[in-house]
N, C-alpha and C. Protein backbone atom coordinates (compact mmCIF):
# COMPACT_ATOMS: atom_id res chain seq x y z
N UNK A 1 28.62 38.56 20.88
CA UNK A 1 27.98 38.71 22.21
C UNK A 1 26.91 37.79 22.17
N UNK A 2 26.78 36.99 23.19
CA UNK A 2 25.68 36.14 23.57
C UNK A 2 24.60 36.88 24.51
N UNK A 3 23.37 36.67 24.15
CA UNK A 3 22.21 37.27 24.90
C UNK A 3 21.08 36.26 25.06
N UNK A 4 20.25 36.55 25.92
CA UNK A 4 19.06 35.68 26.02
C UNK A 4 17.75 36.61 25.55
N UNK A 5 17.17 36.09 24.67
CA UNK A 5 15.77 36.83 24.08
C UNK A 5 14.58 36.16 24.53
N UNK A 6 13.63 36.79 24.99
CA UNK A 6 12.42 36.25 25.29
C UNK A 6 11.34 36.90 24.18
N UNK A 7 10.90 36.17 23.27
CA UNK A 7 10.14 36.75 22.19
C UNK A 7 8.63 36.02 22.37
N UNK A 8 7.76 37.03 22.90
CA UNK A 8 6.45 36.47 23.16
C UNK A 8 6.41 35.33 24.15
N UNK A 9 7.30 35.40 25.16
CA UNK A 9 7.21 34.58 26.27
C UNK A 9 8.21 33.36 26.05
N UNK A 10 8.75 33.23 24.86
CA UNK A 10 9.61 31.84 24.37
C UNK A 10 11.00 32.41 24.43
N UNK A 11 11.83 31.82 25.42
CA UNK A 11 13.19 32.15 25.45
C UNK A 11 14.15 31.50 24.24
N UNK A 12 14.98 32.21 23.82
CA UNK A 12 15.91 32.05 22.62
C UNK A 12 17.14 32.50 23.09
N UNK A 13 18.28 31.93 22.44
CA UNK A 13 19.70 32.30 22.62
C UNK A 13 19.98 33.17 21.46
N UNK A 14 20.59 34.30 21.73
CA UNK A 14 20.65 35.31 20.65
C UNK A 14 22.30 35.50 20.58
N UNK A 15 22.93 35.50 19.46
CA UNK A 15 24.34 35.84 19.38
C UNK A 15 24.55 36.71 18.20
N UNK A 16 25.13 37.89 18.70
CA UNK A 16 25.23 38.96 17.62
C UNK A 16 26.74 39.17 17.43
N UNK A 17 27.13 39.39 16.03
CA UNK A 17 28.39 39.70 15.59
C UNK A 17 28.36 40.97 15.14
N UNK A 18 29.57 41.57 14.89
CA UNK A 18 29.73 43.15 14.49
C UNK A 18 29.16 43.08 13.07
N UNK A 19 28.89 44.51 12.81
CA UNK A 19 28.29 44.73 11.60
C UNK A 19 29.43 44.37 10.41
N UNK A 20 28.86 43.84 9.21
CA UNK A 20 29.69 43.29 8.19
C UNK A 20 30.40 44.47 7.42
N UNK A 21 31.81 44.50 7.66
CA UNK A 21 32.55 45.39 6.76
C UNK A 21 32.03 47.07 6.59
N UNK A 22 31.60 47.47 7.90
CA UNK A 22 31.17 48.82 7.91
C UNK A 22 29.98 49.14 7.31
N UNK A 23 29.17 47.96 6.95
CA UNK A 23 27.92 48.24 6.32
C UNK A 23 26.81 48.12 7.28
N UNK A 24 25.57 48.08 6.99
CA UNK A 24 24.63 48.01 8.01
C UNK A 24 23.88 46.63 7.97
N UNK A 25 24.78 45.74 7.50
CA UNK A 25 24.40 44.32 7.50
C UNK A 25 24.87 43.77 8.75
N UNK A 26 24.03 42.94 9.49
CA UNK A 26 24.34 42.28 10.74
C UNK A 26 24.31 40.89 10.52
N UNK A 27 25.18 40.16 11.15
CA UNK A 27 24.99 38.66 11.22
C UNK A 27 24.67 38.35 12.61
N UNK A 28 23.77 37.42 12.81
CA UNK A 28 23.40 36.97 14.14
C UNK A 28 22.85 35.44 14.06
N UNK A 29 22.81 34.74 15.31
CA UNK A 29 22.31 33.52 15.28
C UNK A 29 21.04 33.51 16.42
N UNK A 30 20.14 32.80 15.91
CA UNK A 30 19.04 32.61 17.02
C UNK A 30 19.03 31.15 17.15
N UNK A 31 19.24 30.63 18.47
CA UNK A 31 19.36 29.27 18.86
C UNK A 31 20.64 28.83 17.89
N UNK A 32 20.29 27.87 16.86
CA UNK A 32 21.46 27.36 16.03
C UNK A 32 21.14 27.98 14.62
N UNK A 33 20.47 28.85 14.44
CA UNK A 33 19.97 29.27 13.09
C UNK A 33 20.86 30.63 12.76
N UNK A 34 21.60 30.58 11.77
CA UNK A 34 22.40 31.64 11.52
C UNK A 34 21.75 32.51 10.46
N UNK A 35 21.71 33.89 10.72
CA UNK A 35 21.09 34.88 9.86
C UNK A 35 21.88 36.08 9.45
N UNK A 36 21.47 36.65 8.26
CA UNK A 36 22.28 37.84 7.94
C UNK A 36 21.00 38.95 7.56
N UNK A 37 21.17 40.00 8.22
CA UNK A 37 20.06 41.10 7.84
C UNK A 37 20.79 42.41 7.60
N UNK A 38 19.99 43.10 6.63
CA UNK A 38 20.44 44.34 6.32
C UNK A 38 19.25 45.38 7.05
N UNK A 39 19.74 46.21 7.93
CA UNK A 39 18.77 47.18 8.60
C UNK A 39 18.96 48.69 7.94
N UNK A 40 17.99 49.33 7.86
CA UNK A 40 18.08 50.80 7.50
C UNK A 40 16.91 51.49 8.27
N UNK A 41 17.45 52.43 9.04
CA UNK A 41 16.22 53.12 9.87
C UNK A 41 15.80 54.23 8.89
N UNK A 42 14.46 54.24 8.43
CA UNK A 42 13.94 55.08 7.59
C UNK A 42 13.24 56.20 8.31
N UNK A 43 12.80 56.08 9.49
CA UNK A 43 12.41 57.16 10.34
C UNK A 43 12.67 56.77 11.87
N UNK A 44 12.41 57.63 12.97
CA UNK A 44 12.72 57.10 14.14
C UNK A 44 11.89 55.95 14.59
N UNK A 45 12.35 54.77 14.84
CA UNK A 45 11.49 53.57 15.27
C UNK A 45 10.92 52.79 14.07
N UNK A 46 11.20 53.25 12.93
CA UNK A 46 10.81 52.36 11.78
C UNK A 46 11.94 52.00 11.01
N UNK A 47 12.03 50.70 10.79
CA UNK A 47 13.14 50.17 10.04
C UNK A 47 12.70 49.36 8.84
N UNK A 48 13.52 49.46 7.68
CA UNK A 48 13.28 48.67 6.52
C UNK A 48 14.46 47.51 6.75
N UNK A 49 13.94 46.30 6.87
CA UNK A 49 14.73 45.06 6.95
C UNK A 49 14.81 44.15 5.67
N UNK A 50 15.85 43.81 5.29
CA UNK A 50 16.13 42.82 4.31
C UNK A 50 16.59 41.44 4.93
N UNK A 51 15.67 40.51 4.92
CA UNK A 51 16.02 39.16 5.48
C UNK A 51 15.78 38.13 4.45
N UNK A 52 16.76 37.31 4.17
CA UNK A 52 16.61 36.19 3.18
C UNK A 52 15.79 36.54 1.92
N UNK A 53 16.21 37.70 1.35
CA UNK A 53 15.56 38.06 0.12
C UNK A 53 14.20 38.83 0.19
N UNK A 54 13.76 38.85 1.51
CA UNK A 54 12.38 39.46 1.86
C UNK A 54 12.65 40.91 2.27
N UNK A 55 11.90 41.94 1.87
CA UNK A 55 12.03 43.12 2.45
C UNK A 55 10.70 43.30 3.47
N UNK A 56 11.21 43.67 4.69
CA UNK A 56 10.10 43.90 5.76
C UNK A 56 10.05 45.42 6.38
N UNK A 57 8.93 45.76 6.74
CA UNK A 57 9.10 46.93 7.60
C UNK A 57 8.81 46.57 9.09
N UNK A 58 9.70 47.12 9.87
CA UNK A 58 9.49 46.71 11.46
C UNK A 58 9.37 48.23 12.09
N UNK A 59 8.36 48.31 12.96
CA UNK A 59 8.05 49.36 13.82
C UNK A 59 8.45 48.89 15.19
N UNK A 60 9.33 49.72 15.86
CA UNK A 60 9.80 49.27 17.18
C UNK A 60 9.34 50.33 18.18
N UNK A 61 8.73 49.86 19.30
CA UNK A 61 8.43 50.86 20.39
C UNK A 61 8.94 50.25 21.71
N UNK A 62 9.37 51.16 22.50
CA UNK A 62 10.05 50.73 23.79
C UNK A 62 8.70 50.62 24.85
N UNK A 63 8.58 49.56 25.56
CA UNK A 63 7.53 49.44 26.58
C UNK A 63 8.20 48.78 27.81
N UNK A 64 8.59 49.78 28.55
CA UNK A 64 9.34 49.45 29.84
C UNK A 64 10.52 48.91 29.46
N UNK A 65 10.79 47.43 30.19
CA UNK A 65 12.04 46.90 29.95
C UNK A 65 12.00 46.13 28.56
N UNK A 66 10.86 46.08 27.99
CA UNK A 66 10.81 45.26 26.73
C UNK A 66 10.57 46.25 25.43
N UNK A 67 10.74 45.60 24.32
CA UNK A 67 10.40 46.29 22.99
C UNK A 67 9.13 45.73 22.38
N UNK A 68 8.29 46.49 21.71
CA UNK A 68 7.30 45.78 21.00
C UNK A 68 7.60 46.09 19.45
N UNK A 69 7.65 45.01 18.81
CA UNK A 69 8.08 45.16 17.32
C UNK A 69 6.73 44.68 16.52
N UNK A 70 6.58 45.48 15.57
CA UNK A 70 5.41 45.04 14.59
C UNK A 70 5.77 44.82 13.36
N UNK A 71 5.65 43.62 12.73
CA UNK A 71 6.19 43.39 11.49
C UNK A 71 5.01 42.73 10.78
N UNK A 72 4.74 43.21 9.46
CA UNK A 72 3.59 42.83 8.67
C UNK A 72 2.28 42.36 9.54
N UNK A 73 1.82 43.40 10.29
CA UNK A 73 0.63 43.13 10.96
C UNK A 73 0.77 42.28 12.28
N UNK A 74 1.84 41.74 12.43
CA UNK A 74 2.03 40.84 13.65
C UNK A 74 2.86 41.74 14.79
N UNK A 75 2.51 41.47 15.99
CA UNK A 75 3.08 42.13 17.09
C UNK A 75 3.88 41.18 17.82
N UNK A 76 5.10 41.43 18.09
CA UNK A 76 6.15 40.69 18.81
C UNK A 76 6.48 41.49 20.02
N UNK A 77 6.49 40.91 21.23
CA UNK A 77 6.93 41.52 22.59
C UNK A 77 8.43 40.94 22.76
N UNK A 78 9.44 41.66 22.77
CA UNK A 78 10.94 41.33 22.78
C UNK A 78 11.51 41.87 24.01
N UNK A 79 12.13 41.06 24.78
CA UNK A 79 12.83 41.28 26.10
C UNK A 79 14.17 40.62 25.89
N UNK A 80 15.22 41.62 25.92
CA UNK A 80 16.68 40.92 25.75
C UNK A 80 17.44 41.16 26.99
N UNK A 81 18.20 40.10 27.51
CA UNK A 81 19.05 40.36 28.50
C UNK A 81 20.47 39.79 28.39
N UNK A 82 21.35 40.16 29.10
CA UNK A 82 22.82 39.73 29.02
C UNK A 82 22.96 38.83 30.26
N UNK A 83 23.17 37.44 29.75
CA UNK A 83 23.16 36.50 31.01
C UNK A 83 24.18 36.56 31.94
N UNK A 84 25.18 37.45 31.58
CA UNK A 84 26.40 37.81 32.45
C UNK A 84 25.97 38.83 33.66
N UNK A 85 24.94 39.60 33.41
CA UNK A 85 24.49 40.56 34.23
C UNK A 85 23.33 39.96 35.30
N UNK A 86 23.41 40.43 36.52
CA UNK A 86 22.46 39.99 37.52
C UNK A 86 21.00 40.37 37.05
N UNK A 87 20.14 39.65 37.36
CA UNK A 87 18.70 39.91 37.18
C UNK A 87 18.11 40.92 38.19
N UNK A 88 17.97 42.12 37.67
CA UNK A 88 17.35 43.10 38.72
C UNK A 88 16.01 42.55 39.44
N UNK A 89 15.14 41.83 38.85
CA UNK A 89 14.00 41.36 39.43
C UNK A 89 14.07 40.26 40.28
N UNK A 90 15.18 39.50 40.26
CA UNK A 90 15.43 38.33 41.10
C UNK A 90 15.81 38.63 42.52
N UNK A 91 16.72 39.77 42.81
CA UNK A 91 17.02 40.06 44.19
C UNK A 91 17.21 41.73 43.91
N UNK A 92 16.46 42.52 44.59
CA UNK A 92 16.68 43.84 44.50
C UNK A 92 17.71 44.52 45.60
N UNK A 93 18.80 44.40 45.30
CA UNK A 93 19.82 44.97 46.15
C UNK A 93 20.27 46.41 45.84
N UNK A 94 19.75 46.90 44.83
CA UNK A 94 20.15 48.20 44.19
C UNK A 94 19.95 49.34 45.23
N UNK A 95 19.17 49.39 46.11
CA UNK A 95 18.97 50.42 47.05
C UNK A 95 20.24 50.71 48.11
N UNK A 96 21.07 49.81 48.31
CA UNK A 96 22.03 49.85 49.18
C UNK A 96 23.42 50.37 48.63
N UNK A 97 24.11 51.46 49.09
CA UNK A 97 25.27 51.86 48.63
C UNK A 97 25.31 52.40 47.07
N UNK A 98 26.60 52.84 46.64
CA UNK A 98 26.56 53.35 45.42
C UNK A 98 26.27 52.22 44.36
N UNK A 99 25.74 52.66 43.01
CA UNK A 99 25.28 51.69 42.22
C UNK A 99 26.07 52.23 40.96
N UNK A 100 26.77 51.33 40.35
CA UNK A 100 27.51 51.81 39.04
C UNK A 100 26.71 51.21 37.85
N UNK A 101 26.17 52.13 36.94
CA UNK A 101 25.39 51.80 35.74
C UNK A 101 26.21 51.55 34.72
N UNK A 102 26.18 50.42 34.07
CA UNK A 102 27.21 49.97 33.07
C UNK A 102 26.34 49.85 31.66
N UNK A 103 27.05 49.94 30.60
CA UNK A 103 26.27 49.66 29.28
C UNK A 103 25.92 48.36 29.01
N UNK A 104 24.82 47.87 28.61
CA UNK A 104 24.07 46.60 28.62
C UNK A 104 24.82 45.98 27.12
N UNK A 105 25.44 46.89 26.37
CA UNK A 105 25.83 46.45 25.01
C UNK A 105 26.67 47.36 24.36
N UNK A 106 27.60 47.02 23.56
CA UNK A 106 28.46 48.07 22.82
C UNK A 106 27.47 49.13 22.03
N UNK A 107 28.01 50.40 22.11
CA UNK A 107 27.21 51.35 21.34
C UNK A 107 27.96 52.80 21.40
N UNK A 108 27.17 53.61 21.09
CA UNK A 108 27.60 55.08 21.03
C UNK A 108 26.47 55.81 21.93
N UNK A 109 27.14 56.82 22.71
CA UNK A 109 26.33 57.66 23.69
C UNK A 109 25.83 58.72 22.74
N UNK A 110 24.61 58.69 22.68
CA UNK A 110 23.76 59.69 21.87
C UNK A 110 23.46 60.95 22.82
N UNK A 111 22.86 60.74 23.99
CA UNK A 111 22.65 61.78 25.00
C UNK A 111 22.98 61.48 26.32
N UNK A 112 23.41 62.45 27.11
CA UNK A 112 23.77 62.32 28.42
C UNK A 112 22.58 63.21 29.10
N UNK A 113 21.77 62.63 30.02
CA UNK A 113 20.49 63.04 30.48
C UNK A 113 20.83 63.68 31.98
N UNK A 114 21.95 63.54 32.66
CA UNK A 114 22.14 63.84 34.14
C UNK A 114 23.48 64.47 34.03
N UNK A 115 23.84 65.04 35.22
CA UNK A 115 25.11 65.35 35.57
C UNK A 115 25.33 65.17 37.05
N UNK A 116 26.65 65.14 37.35
CA UNK A 116 26.92 65.05 38.86
C UNK A 116 26.25 65.97 39.67
N UNK A 117 25.67 65.53 40.78
CA UNK A 117 24.91 66.39 41.76
C UNK A 117 23.50 66.27 41.51
N UNK A 118 22.98 65.77 40.30
CA UNK A 118 21.53 65.70 40.15
C UNK A 118 20.72 64.65 41.17
N UNK A 119 19.72 65.10 41.61
CA UNK A 119 18.91 64.17 42.38
C UNK A 119 18.09 63.54 41.51
N UNK A 120 17.83 62.19 41.49
CA UNK A 120 16.98 61.38 40.64
C UNK A 120 16.32 60.40 41.29
N UNK A 121 15.17 60.06 40.78
CA UNK A 121 14.35 58.94 41.22
C UNK A 121 14.75 57.62 40.61
N UNK A 122 14.06 56.55 41.17
CA UNK A 122 14.27 55.24 40.39
C UNK A 122 13.49 55.14 39.08
N UNK A 123 14.28 54.74 38.10
CA UNK A 123 13.62 54.63 36.85
C UNK A 123 13.90 55.93 35.94
N UNK A 124 14.52 56.87 36.51
CA UNK A 124 14.82 58.06 35.82
C UNK A 124 15.75 57.79 34.83
N UNK A 125 15.66 58.59 33.56
CA UNK A 125 16.67 58.32 32.27
C UNK A 125 17.88 59.10 32.76
N UNK A 126 19.02 58.20 32.38
CA UNK A 126 20.42 58.62 32.66
C UNK A 126 21.15 58.98 31.23
N UNK A 127 20.99 58.13 30.40
CA UNK A 127 21.58 58.52 29.13
C UNK A 127 21.06 57.56 28.05
N UNK A 128 21.13 57.98 26.74
CA UNK A 128 20.78 57.22 25.55
C UNK A 128 22.02 56.63 24.84
N UNK A 129 21.84 55.39 24.55
CA UNK A 129 22.93 54.54 23.95
C UNK A 129 22.23 54.09 22.76
N UNK A 130 23.06 54.36 21.59
CA UNK A 130 22.50 53.71 20.42
C UNK A 130 23.43 52.43 19.94
N UNK A 131 22.65 51.34 19.67
CA UNK A 131 23.31 50.15 19.41
C UNK A 131 22.49 49.61 18.18
N UNK A 132 23.02 49.06 17.17
CA UNK A 132 22.37 48.43 16.00
C UNK A 132 21.41 49.22 15.50
N UNK A 133 21.65 50.66 15.43
CA UNK A 133 20.66 51.51 14.71
C UNK A 133 19.49 51.78 15.84
N UNK A 134 19.50 51.23 16.91
CA UNK A 134 18.35 51.50 17.97
C UNK A 134 19.00 52.18 19.23
N UNK A 135 18.02 53.12 19.46
CA UNK A 135 18.31 53.97 20.71
C UNK A 135 17.71 53.47 22.08
N UNK A 136 18.46 53.05 22.93
CA UNK A 136 18.00 52.69 24.12
C UNK A 136 18.27 53.70 25.44
N UNK A 137 17.20 53.83 26.17
CA UNK A 137 17.27 54.78 27.19
C UNK A 137 17.84 53.87 28.41
N UNK A 138 18.98 54.41 28.99
CA UNK A 138 19.49 53.63 30.23
C UNK A 138 18.90 54.37 31.41
N UNK A 139 18.15 53.54 32.30
CA UNK A 139 17.40 54.16 33.40
C UNK A 139 18.05 53.80 34.82
N UNK A 140 17.83 54.72 35.82
CA UNK A 140 18.64 54.29 37.02
C UNK A 140 17.84 53.33 37.80
N UNK A 141 18.54 52.52 38.36
CA UNK A 141 17.92 51.33 39.26
C UNK A 141 17.33 51.68 40.67
N UNK A 142 17.82 52.89 40.96
CA UNK A 142 17.41 53.39 42.21
C UNK A 142 17.31 55.04 42.36
N UNK A 143 16.73 55.32 43.30
CA UNK A 143 16.59 56.91 43.62
C UNK A 143 18.08 57.31 44.26
N UNK A 144 18.47 58.61 44.01
CA UNK A 144 19.65 58.94 44.73
C UNK A 144 20.33 60.07 44.06
N UNK A 145 21.62 60.39 44.23
CA UNK A 145 22.28 61.49 43.62
C UNK A 145 23.27 60.96 42.66
N UNK A 146 23.42 61.34 41.56
CA UNK A 146 24.37 61.28 40.44
C UNK A 146 25.72 61.77 40.96
N UNK A 147 26.69 60.55 41.19
CA UNK A 147 28.11 61.11 41.77
C UNK A 147 29.17 61.36 40.61
N UNK A 148 28.95 60.52 39.59
CA UNK A 148 29.81 60.45 38.38
C UNK A 148 29.14 60.09 37.18
N UNK A 149 29.63 61.06 36.14
CA UNK A 149 29.12 60.53 34.72
C UNK A 149 30.59 60.53 33.87
N UNK A 150 30.85 59.21 33.59
CA UNK A 150 32.26 59.02 33.07
C UNK A 150 32.17 58.92 31.41
N UNK A 151 31.00 59.30 30.78
CA UNK A 151 30.95 59.08 29.46
C UNK A 151 30.57 60.67 28.80
N UNK A 152 30.77 60.81 27.48
CA UNK A 152 30.31 62.10 26.97
C UNK A 152 29.51 61.70 25.64
N UNK A 153 28.68 62.63 25.21
CA UNK A 153 27.85 62.41 24.18
C UNK A 153 28.77 62.20 22.83
N UNK A 154 28.49 61.23 21.98
CA UNK A 154 29.31 60.81 20.92
C UNK A 154 30.40 59.75 21.12
N UNK A 155 30.69 59.54 22.41
CA UNK A 155 31.68 58.54 22.76
C UNK A 155 31.17 57.05 22.57
N UNK A 156 32.05 56.24 22.17
CA UNK A 156 31.76 54.83 22.10
C UNK A 156 32.01 54.12 23.57
N UNK A 157 31.00 53.25 23.63
CA UNK A 157 31.19 52.29 24.97
C UNK A 157 30.96 50.83 24.58
N UNK A 158 31.83 50.06 25.39
CA UNK A 158 31.94 48.73 25.32
C UNK A 158 30.79 48.06 26.29
N UNK A 159 30.38 46.79 26.11
CA UNK A 159 29.45 46.24 26.92
C UNK A 159 30.11 46.06 28.14
N UNK A 160 29.23 46.45 29.21
CA UNK A 160 29.92 46.20 30.65
C UNK A 160 30.63 47.53 31.09
N UNK A 161 30.83 48.50 30.37
CA UNK A 161 31.71 49.59 30.67
C UNK A 161 30.83 50.56 31.50
N UNK A 162 31.47 51.13 32.76
CA UNK A 162 30.77 51.94 33.57
C UNK A 162 30.45 53.22 33.00
N UNK A 163 29.34 53.81 33.18
CA UNK A 163 28.95 55.08 32.61
C UNK A 163 28.50 56.03 33.66
N UNK A 164 27.91 55.78 34.58
CA UNK A 164 27.14 56.67 35.71
C UNK A 164 27.33 55.92 36.92
N UNK A 165 27.38 56.79 38.06
CA UNK A 165 27.45 56.20 39.45
C UNK A 165 26.22 56.94 40.14
N UNK A 166 25.45 56.14 40.74
CA UNK A 166 24.29 56.93 41.55
C UNK A 166 24.54 56.33 43.04
N UNK A 167 24.36 57.31 44.04
CA UNK A 167 24.58 56.97 45.25
C UNK A 167 23.30 57.30 46.00
């Protein structure tokens, strides 16, 4: 899967591969540099990372649409987007009509936070998706009523799969 990552304001192309043979090893490419990393979540938001023979500790905090990652005393602000998806900030058409919320990445549904009939505000949490050992809260792009929840806790989702509809 190809993504665009903005790291401290500098855009990079990020290509993710599936985990290596059922391990926690991930192969990915940043621009043209291919890397293999072994990740282990040692506590919520804290990861032990083995990269190129070096062991690092990464602390990850969600800050709005971005993540803040602290590694060896350095702070990195990371924003990742799928170039196949419309940029919500470019044109806000989300207030008109039903909005289908899709999974931004393949992963597993950890928690469903809403059910059909719930009245929600823009930015309200809908569900939590775990991908690459990180939990991501999926938020509503608009205020409205949840009309459909098509996933259940523990289910796997593919990138772009519809999960919730808000009208």
